[in-house]
Amino acid sequence: MRVSEQRQHKSISHYLATFISFGLFFYFAYHLAHGDRGYFAWKGLQKKLTEAEAQYDQKRAERQALENRVKLLRPDSLDLDMLDERARTVLGFVKPNEKVVIEHN
């Protein structure tokens, strides 16, 4: 081979190696941001986790409130006002001089 052919061969292989390197770099950079386990997928999972934690806290508070109401109806800690309220609600008993306000949840 001549010297000019060798230089041209080195030049082509150098450009080809550079092109392939940049191609690989951009391929991995794209998937780092937009892939299934990339940055934007991670942010989406964090948002879902925050929403699920808020929903969990709400349900836990509702459960605690229901447990407290049930606790008031147990025989060992019976609250007569709670018993009266439940009996009136379930059985529909009302005294003649009472006004009824029905609350829907």
Protein backbone atom coordinates (compact mmCIF):
# COMPACT_ATOMS: atom_id res chain seq x y z
CA MET A 1 0.00 0.00 0.00
CA ARG A 2 1.07 3.47 -0.61
CA VAL A 3 1.42 6.05 2.13
CA SER A 4 -1.58 8.04 0.88
CA GLU A 5 -3.75 4.90 0.81
CA GLN A 6 -2.70 4.10 4.38
CA ARG A 7 -3.58 7.61 5.52
CA GLN A 8 -6.93 7.42 3.76
CA HIS A 9 -7.62 4.00 5.34
CA LYS A 10 -6.73 5.34 8.82
CA SER A 11 -8.85 8.40 8.22
CA ILE A 12 -11.91 6.35 7.21
CA SER A 13 -11.53 3.93 10.12
CA HIS A 14 -11.05 6.88 12.51
CA TYR A 15 -14.26 8.55 11.29
CA LEU A 16 -16.12 5.26 11.40
CA ALA A 17 -14.99 4.59 14.98
CA THR A 18 -16.00 8.14 15.98
CA PHE A 19 -19.39 7.79 14.31
CA ILE A 20 -20.06 4.44 16.01
CA SER A 21 -18.95 5.86 19.38
CA PHE A 22 -21.32 8.81 19.09
CA GLY A 23 -24.10 6.51 17.95
CA LEU A 24 -23.65 4.28 21.01
CA PHE A 25 -23.45 7.32 23.27
CA PHE A 26 -26.72 8.77 21.98
CA TYR A 27 -28.40 5.35 22.07
CA PHE A 28 -27.57 4.85 25.75
CA ALA A 29 -28.29 8.49 26.63
CA TYR A 30 -31.75 8.25 25.05
CA HIS A 31 -32.60 5.06 26.94
CA LEU A 32 -31.21 6.51 30.15
CA ALA A 33 -33.84 9.21 29.94
CA HIS A 34 -36.75 7.59 28.09
CA GLY A 35 -36.31 3.85 28.57
CA ASP A 36 -38.46 1.49 30.66
CA ARG A 37 -36.16 2.11 33.62
CA GLY A 38 -35.08 5.60 32.64
CA TYR A 39 -35.40 8.93 34.37
CA PHE A 40 -38.94 9.74 33.23
CA ALA A 41 -40.21 6.26 34.12
CA TRP A 42 -38.63 6.68 37.57
CA LYS A 43 -40.34 10.06 38.05
CA GLY A 44 -43.67 8.51 37.02
CA LEU A 45 -43.22 5.73 39.57
CA GLN A 46 -42.40 8.28 42.26
CA LYS A 47 -45.62 10.16 41.45
CA LYS A 48 -47.66 6.94 41.62
CA LEU A 49 -46.00 6.06 44.92
CA THR A 50 -46.87 9.47 46.41
CA GLU A 51 -50.50 9.11 45.30
CA ALA A 52 -50.70 5.57 46.70
CA GLU A 53 -49.24 6.68 50.03
CA ALA A 54 -51.79 9.50 50.27
CA GLN A 55 -54.61 7.07 49.50
CA TYR A 56 -53.21 4.63 52.07
CA ASP A 57 -53.13 7.36 54.74
CA GLN A 58 -56.74 8.31 53.94
CA LYS A 59 -57.95 4.70 54.16
CA ARG A 60 -56.01 4.16 57.38
CA ALA A 61 -57.68 7.23 58.93
CA GLU A 62 -61.12 5.99 57.82
CA ARG A 63 -60.40 2.58 59.31
CA GLN A 64 -59.25 4.13 62.58
CA ALA A 65 -62.47 6.16 62.79
CA LEU A 66 -64.58 3.05 62.17
CA GLU A 67 -62.61 1.08 64.76
CA ASN A 68 -63.23 3.83 67.31
CA ARG A 69 -66.97 3.76 66.59
CA VAL A 70 -67.05 -0.04 66.92
CA LYS A 71 -65.10 0.20 70.17
CA LEU A 72 -67.85 2.42 71.59
CA LEU A 73 -70.44 -0.28 70.86
CA ARG A 74 -68.59 -3.12 72.62
CA PRO A 75 -70.22 -4.38 75.81
CA ASP A 76 -67.21 -3.58 78.03
CA SER A 77 -67.16 0.08 76.91
CA LEU A 78 -70.73 0.72 75.81
CA ASP A 79 -71.59 4.35 75.16
CA LEU A 80 -75.32 4.82 75.66
CA ASP A 81 -75.50 7.79 73.30
CA MET A 82 -73.85 5.75 70.55
CA LEU A 83 -76.22 2.85 71.20
CA ASP A 84 -79.21 5.19 71.05
CA GLU A 85 -77.94 6.73 67.81
CA ARG A 86 -77.41 3.34 66.15
CA ALA A 87 -80.79 2.01 67.31
CA ARG A 88 -82.57 5.06 65.91
CA THR A 89 -80.66 4.86 62.63
CA VAL A 90 -81.06 1.12 62.07
CA LEU A 91 -84.57 0.68 63.44
CA GLY A 92 -85.96 4.07 62.46
CA PHE A 93 -87.29 4.92 65.91
CA VAL A 94 -88.09 8.56 66.59
CA LYS A 95 -89.89 10.19 69.48
CA PRO A 96 -92.99 12.22 68.52
CA ASN A 97 -91.46 15.59 69.50
CA GLU A 98 -88.09 15.04 67.72
CA LYS A 99 -86.96 16.38 64.40
CA VAL A 100 -84.83 14.08 62.24
CA VAL A 101 -81.86 15.25 60.25
CA ILE A 102 -80.57 12.58 57.90
CA GLU A 103 -76.94 12.85 56.89
CA HIS A 104 -75.73 10.95 53.84
CA ASN A 105 -72.01 10.16 53.60
